[in-house]
Every structure is written in structure tokens, then in C-alpha cells.
Amino acid sequence: MKHIIPVAAFAALCIFAWWLGGIIPKQAFTLFLGVLLGSFVGIPAALILATKLRNQRIDVYHHEAARKPVEAQKPVQQLLIPETRYTVLSSRAALPTVAQKQLEVGR
């Protein structure tokens, strides 16, 4: 007599599941099982990761004394290149005679 109530409840659950399985499409039931089993696996995995990070030993060392001094960046310097200026003349006669001798090229 003790076992009749649990067996009847289990039978009612099985009948309800059979009826529900006939109504719900196969793809929806497969999706539901995937979500259910995925959450069953995901929750313990998340808890394991959360406790693993808490048990990790973190040592803080002060390396400031051992660190090499960092050399300051040198200031930007401008390159001193003299400007090259070109004078363009339309005729050779306009040049002074000294400059003409320097510009003449032998052929």
C-alpha cells in the first residue's frame, strides 16, 4: 500500500509525458533537451571555474627597486639643412660675366 502512491504518480507523469510528446514537434523537444542538458553541464563548469580562481595564490612583488631606470626620451631636434635656392633666368645675357664663366660647359 505504501508504494501505490509513488507508482501511480510516476505512471501519471509517464502518461503526461507521452501525451506531451505527441503534441510537441520533434525539433522543439530536441531543442529543449539540448538546453536542459547544456545548463546541467554549464552550471557545474561555471562553479568550478569560479572556485578555481578564488583558490589561486597571487603574490605581489615590488620590483620598483630592481627595475632599471628608464631613460627619458630625448627632445625632438630639427635638422639644420641649409636651403638650396635656384635662380632661373630666361636668357644667358642676364647673368653677370663671372657667373657665365662658371656655368659654361665645354662640348
N, C-alpha and C. Protein backbone atom coordinates (compact mmCIF):
# COMPACT_ATOMS: atom_id res chain seq x y z
N MET A 1 0.81 -1.19 0.00
CA MET A 1 0.00 0.00 0.00
C MET A 1 0.87 1.27 0.00
N LYS A 2 2.06 1.16 0.58
CA LYS A 2 2.95 2.32 0.62
C LYS A 2 3.42 2.71 -0.77
N HIS A 3 3.65 1.74 -1.61
CA HIS A 3 4.25 2.00 -2.91
C HIS A 3 3.23 2.33 -3.99
N ILE A 4 1.98 2.27 -3.69
CA ILE A 4 0.96 2.52 -4.71
C ILE A 4 0.94 4.00 -5.12
N ILE A 5 1.08 4.91 -4.18
CA ILE A 5 1.01 6.34 -4.48
C ILE A 5 2.21 6.79 -5.34
N PRO A 6 3.45 6.42 -4.98
CA PRO A 6 4.56 6.81 -5.86
C PRO A 6 4.47 6.18 -7.25
N VAL A 7 4.04 4.92 -7.33
CA VAL A 7 3.92 4.26 -8.63
C VAL A 7 2.83 4.92 -9.46
N ALA A 8 1.72 5.29 -8.83
CA ALA A 8 0.64 5.97 -9.55
C ALA A 8 1.09 7.35 -10.01
N ALA A 9 1.85 8.08 -9.20
CA ALA A 9 2.36 9.40 -9.59
C ALA A 9 3.33 9.27 -10.77
N PHE A 10 4.20 8.24 -10.70
CA PHE A 10 5.13 8.01 -11.79
C PHE A 10 4.40 7.63 -13.08
N ALA A 11 3.34 6.81 -12.96
CA ALA A 11 2.55 6.42 -14.12
C ALA A 11 1.84 7.64 -14.72
N ALA A 12 1.32 8.51 -13.85
CA ALA A 12 0.64 9.72 -14.34
C ALA A 12 1.65 10.63 -15.05
N LEU A 13 2.85 10.72 -14.50
CA LEU A 13 3.90 11.52 -15.14
C LEU A 13 4.26 10.95 -16.50
N CYS A 14 4.37 9.63 -16.58
CA CYS A 14 4.69 8.99 -17.86
C CYS A 14 3.60 9.21 -18.89
N ILE A 15 2.34 9.12 -18.47
CA ILE A 15 1.22 9.33 -19.40
C ILE A 15 1.20 10.78 -19.88
N PHE A 16 1.47 11.73 -18.95
CA PHE A 16 1.51 13.14 -19.33
C PHE A 16 2.66 13.39 -20.31
N ALA A 17 3.83 12.78 -20.06
CA ALA A 17 4.98 12.95 -20.95
C ALA A 17 4.68 12.35 -22.33
N TRP A 18 4.00 11.21 -22.36
CA TRP A 18 3.64 10.58 -23.63
C TRP A 18 2.69 11.48 -24.41
N TRP A 19 1.70 12.04 -23.71
CA TRP A 19 0.73 12.93 -24.35
C TRP A 19 1.43 14.21 -24.84
N LEU A 20 2.31 14.77 -24.01
CA LEU A 20 3.02 15.99 -24.39
C LEU A 20 3.96 15.71 -25.56
N GLY A 21 4.60 14.55 -25.59
CA GLY A 21 5.49 14.18 -26.68
C GLY A 21 4.75 14.04 -28.00
N GLY A 22 3.46 13.68 -27.94
CA GLY A 22 2.66 13.59 -29.16
C GLY A 22 2.28 14.95 -29.69
N ILE A 23 2.19 15.94 -28.84
CA ILE A 23 1.77 17.28 -29.25
C ILE A 23 2.97 18.12 -29.74
N ILE A 24 4.08 18.06 -29.01
CA ILE A 24 5.23 18.90 -29.31
C ILE A 24 5.99 18.33 -30.51
N PRO A 25 6.41 19.18 -31.45
CA PRO A 25 7.20 18.69 -32.58
C PRO A 25 8.56 18.13 -32.11
N LYS A 26 9.11 17.25 -32.91
CA LYS A 26 10.35 16.58 -32.55
C LYS A 26 11.51 17.57 -32.41
N GLN A 27 11.57 18.58 -33.28
CA GLN A 27 12.66 19.55 -33.23
C GLN A 27 12.59 20.40 -31.96
N ALA A 28 11.40 20.77 -31.53
CA ALA A 28 11.25 21.56 -30.31
C ALA A 28 11.68 20.75 -29.09
N PHE A 29 11.34 19.48 -29.06
CA PHE A 29 11.72 18.63 -27.94
C PHE A 29 13.24 18.43 -27.91
N THR A 30 13.84 18.27 -29.08
CA THR A 30 15.29 18.14 -29.15
C THR A 30 15.98 19.41 -28.67
N LEU A 31 15.44 20.55 -29.06
CA LEU A 31 15.97 21.82 -28.60
C LEU A 31 15.85 21.95 -27.09
N PHE A 32 14.72 21.57 -26.54
CA PHE A 32 14.52 21.62 -25.10
C PHE A 32 15.52 20.73 -24.37
N LEU A 33 15.72 19.52 -24.87
CA LEU A 33 16.68 18.62 -24.23
C LEU A 33 18.10 19.18 -24.30
N GLY A 34 18.45 19.80 -25.42
CA GLY A 34 19.78 20.40 -25.55
C GLY A 34 20.00 21.53 -24.57
N VAL A 35 19.00 22.37 -24.41
CA VAL A 35 19.10 23.48 -23.45
C VAL A 35 19.18 22.95 -22.03
N LEU A 36 18.35 21.96 -21.72
CA LEU A 36 18.32 21.39 -20.37
C LEU A 36 19.64 20.72 -20.03
N LEU A 37 20.14 19.86 -20.92
CA LEU A 37 21.40 19.18 -20.65
C LEU A 37 22.59 20.14 -20.68
N GLY A 38 22.53 21.13 -21.54
CA GLY A 38 23.59 22.13 -21.58
C GLY A 38 23.67 22.94 -20.30
N SER A 39 22.53 23.27 -19.74
CA SER A 39 22.55 24.01 -18.47
C SER A 39 23.01 23.09 -17.34
N PHE A 40 22.67 21.81 -17.40
CA PHE A 40 23.14 20.87 -16.37
C PHE A 40 24.66 20.74 -16.40
N VAL A 41 25.25 20.85 -17.57
CA VAL A 41 26.70 20.77 -17.69
C VAL A 41 27.34 22.13 -17.43
N GLY A 42 26.70 23.20 -17.86
CA GLY A 42 27.28 24.54 -17.77
C GLY A 42 27.35 25.09 -16.36
N ILE A 43 26.37 24.79 -15.54
CA ILE A 43 26.36 25.33 -14.18
C ILE A 43 27.52 24.78 -13.36
N PRO A 44 27.76 23.46 -13.31
CA PRO A 44 28.93 22.99 -12.55
C PRO A 44 30.25 23.47 -13.13
N ALA A 45 30.35 23.59 -14.45
CA ALA A 45 31.59 24.09 -15.05
C ALA A 45 31.85 25.53 -14.63
N ALA A 46 30.82 26.35 -14.59
CA ALA A 46 30.98 27.73 -14.15
C ALA A 46 31.36 27.79 -12.68
N LEU A 47 30.78 26.93 -11.87
CA LEU A 47 31.13 26.92 -10.44
C LEU A 47 32.56 26.46 -10.23
N ILE A 48 33.02 25.48 -11.01
CA ILE A 48 34.40 25.02 -10.90
C ILE A 48 35.36 26.15 -11.27
N LEU A 49 35.06 26.87 -12.33
CA LEU A 49 35.92 27.97 -12.73
C LEU A 49 35.91 29.09 -11.69
N ALA A 50 34.75 29.34 -11.09
CA ALA A 50 34.66 30.42 -10.10
C ALA A 50 35.46 30.07 -8.85
N THR A 51 35.42 28.82 -8.41
CA THR A 51 36.16 28.45 -7.21
C THR A 51 37.64 28.29 -7.51
N LYS A 52 38.00 27.92 -8.73
CA LYS A 52 39.41 27.76 -9.08
C LYS A 52 40.13 29.10 -9.03
N LEU A 53 39.49 30.15 -9.50
CA LEU A 53 40.10 31.47 -9.47
C LEU A 53 40.26 31.97 -8.04
N ARG A 54 39.37 31.59 -7.17
CA ARG A 54 39.44 32.05 -5.78
C ARG A 54 40.57 31.35 -5.03
N ASN A 55 40.89 30.11 -5.39
CA ASN A 55 41.92 29.35 -4.70
C ASN A 55 43.32 29.63 -5.24
N GLN A 56 43.43 30.42 -6.26
CA GLN A 56 44.72 30.70 -6.87
C GLN A 56 45.52 31.64 -5.98
N ARG A 57 46.80 31.34 -5.80
CA ARG A 57 47.66 32.17 -4.98
C ARG A 57 48.23 33.30 -5.83
N ILE A 58 48.09 34.49 -5.33
CA ILE A 58 48.58 35.66 -6.05
C ILE A 58 49.60 36.35 -5.16
N ASP A 59 50.84 36.34 -5.59
CA ASP A 59 51.90 37.01 -4.85
C ASP A 59 52.19 38.35 -5.51
N VAL A 60 52.31 39.35 -4.68
CA VAL A 60 52.61 40.68 -5.19
C VAL A 60 54.03 41.01 -4.79
N TYR A 61 54.86 41.22 -5.78
CA TYR A 61 56.24 41.57 -5.54
C TYR A 61 56.45 43.03 -5.96
N HIS A 62 57.29 43.69 -5.21
CA HIS A 62 57.59 45.08 -5.53
C HIS A 62 58.93 45.12 -6.24
N HIS A 63 58.88 45.26 -7.54
CA HIS A 63 60.09 45.26 -8.35
C HIS A 63 60.59 46.66 -8.62
N GLU A 64 60.02 47.63 -7.99
CA GLU A 64 60.41 49.00 -8.30
C GLU A 64 61.88 49.25 -8.01
N ALA A 65 62.41 48.65 -6.94
CA ALA A 65 63.81 48.88 -6.59
C ALA A 65 64.73 48.19 -7.58
N ALA A 66 64.32 47.05 -8.10
CA ALA A 66 65.18 46.28 -9.00
C ALA A 66 65.05 46.73 -10.46
N ARG A 67 64.05 47.51 -10.77
CA ARG A 67 63.83 47.92 -12.15
C ARG A 67 64.90 48.91 -12.58
N LYS A 68 65.37 48.75 -13.79
CA LYS A 68 66.37 49.68 -14.33
C LYS A 68 65.71 51.03 -14.55
N PRO A 69 66.45 52.09 -14.28
CA PRO A 69 65.84 53.41 -14.53
C PRO A 69 65.61 53.61 -16.02
N VAL A 70 64.47 54.12 -16.34
CA VAL A 70 64.11 54.33 -17.73
C VAL A 70 64.66 55.68 -18.17
N GLU A 71 65.38 55.66 -19.26
CA GLU A 71 65.98 56.87 -19.78
C GLU A 71 64.88 57.74 -20.38
N ALA A 72 64.92 59.01 -20.04
CA ALA A 72 63.91 59.92 -20.57
C ALA A 72 64.08 60.07 -22.08
N GLN A 73 62.99 60.28 -22.74
CA GLN A 73 63.03 60.42 -24.19
C GLN A 73 63.70 61.74 -24.54
N LYS A 74 64.56 61.67 -25.52
CA LYS A 74 65.28 62.87 -25.93
C LYS A 74 64.33 63.82 -26.65
N PRO A 75 64.58 65.12 -26.48
CA PRO A 75 63.69 66.07 -27.16
C PRO A 75 63.88 66.01 -28.67
N VAL A 76 62.87 66.37 -29.37
CA VAL A 76 62.89 66.36 -30.82
C VAL A 76 63.77 67.51 -31.30
N GLN A 77 64.70 67.21 -32.20
CA GLN A 77 65.59 68.23 -32.73
C GLN A 77 65.29 68.44 -34.21
N GLN A 78 65.36 69.67 -34.61
CA GLN A 78 65.17 69.96 -36.02
C GLN A 78 66.49 69.79 -36.75
N LEU A 79 66.44 69.20 -37.90
CA LEU A 79 67.64 69.03 -38.70
C LEU A 79 67.99 70.36 -39.37
N LEU A 80 69.23 70.74 -39.21
CA LEU A 80 69.66 72.02 -39.79
C LEU A 80 70.29 71.77 -41.15
N ILE A 81 69.48 71.82 -42.17
CA ILE A 81 69.94 71.64 -43.54
C ILE A 81 69.81 72.99 -44.24
N PRO A 82 70.91 73.47 -44.80
CA PRO A 82 70.79 74.77 -45.49
C PRO A 82 69.89 74.64 -46.71
N GLU A 83 69.12 75.66 -46.90
CA GLU A 83 68.20 75.66 -48.03
C GLU A 83 69.00 75.82 -49.33
N THR A 84 68.58 75.13 -50.34
CA THR A 84 69.20 75.26 -51.66
C THR A 84 68.27 76.11 -52.50
N ARG A 85 68.79 77.20 -52.97
CA ARG A 85 67.97 78.10 -53.77
C ARG A 85 68.46 78.08 -55.21
N TYR A 86 67.55 78.06 -56.09
CA TYR A 86 67.87 78.06 -57.52
C TYR A 86 67.31 79.33 -58.13
N THR A 87 68.13 79.92 -59.00
CA THR A 87 67.68 81.10 -59.73
C THR A 87 67.52 80.71 -61.18
N VAL A 88 66.36 80.95 -61.70
CA VAL A 88 66.08 80.61 -63.10
C VAL A 88 65.98 81.91 -63.88
N LEU A 89 66.84 82.00 -64.92
CA LEU A 89 66.84 83.19 -65.77
C LEU A 89 66.42 82.79 -67.17
N SER A 90 65.73 83.69 -67.81
CA SER A 90 65.23 83.37 -69.14
C SER A 90 66.30 83.49 -70.23
N SER A 91 67.37 84.27 -69.99
CA SER A 91 68.40 84.41 -71.03
C SER A 91 69.77 84.41 -70.39
N ARG A 92 70.75 83.98 -71.20
CA ARG A 92 72.11 83.89 -70.68
C ARG A 92 72.73 85.28 -70.54
N ALA A 93 72.30 86.21 -71.27
CA ALA A 93 72.86 87.57 -71.22
C ALA A 93 72.55 88.26 -69.91
N ALA A 94 71.54 87.80 -69.23
CA ALA A 94 71.16 88.44 -67.98
C ALA A 94 72.10 88.06 -66.84
N LEU A 95 72.88 87.02 -67.01
CA LEU A 95 73.80 86.59 -65.96
C LEU A 95 75.01 87.51 -65.92
N PRO A 96 75.58 87.75 -64.78
CA PRO A 96 76.83 88.51 -64.73
C PRO A 96 77.95 87.73 -65.41
N THR A 97 78.99 88.38 -65.83
CA THR A 97 80.06 87.73 -66.59
C THR A 97 80.80 86.70 -65.76
N VAL A 98 80.93 86.87 -64.47
CA VAL A 98 81.62 85.89 -63.62
C VAL A 98 80.81 84.61 -63.55
N ALA A 99 79.54 84.77 -63.42
CA ALA A 99 78.68 83.60 -63.34
C ALA A 99 78.63 82.88 -64.67
N GLN A 100 78.77 83.60 -65.80
CA GLN A 100 78.76 82.95 -67.10
C GLN A 100 79.92 82.00 -67.26
N LYS A 101 81.09 82.39 -66.79
CA LYS A 101 82.25 81.53 -66.92
C LYS A 101 82.09 80.27 -66.08
N GLN A 102 81.45 80.39 -64.93
CA GLN A 102 81.27 79.23 -64.07
C GLN A 102 80.24 78.28 -64.66
N LEU A 103 79.29 78.80 -65.39
CA LEU A 103 78.21 77.97 -65.91
C LEU A 103 78.54 77.34 -67.25
N GLU A 104 79.53 77.84 -67.95
CA GLU A 104 79.80 77.33 -69.27
C GLU A 104 80.35 75.91 -69.19
N VAL A 105 79.86 75.09 -70.04
CA VAL A 105 80.26 73.69 -70.09
C VAL A 105 80.87 73.45 -71.45
N GLY A 106 82.06 72.86 -71.46
CA GLY A 106 82.72 72.59 -72.73
C GLY A 106 82.10 71.42 -73.43
N ARG A 107 82.04 71.54 -74.80
CA ARG A 107 81.44 70.44 -75.55
C ARG A 107 82.44 69.65 -76.29
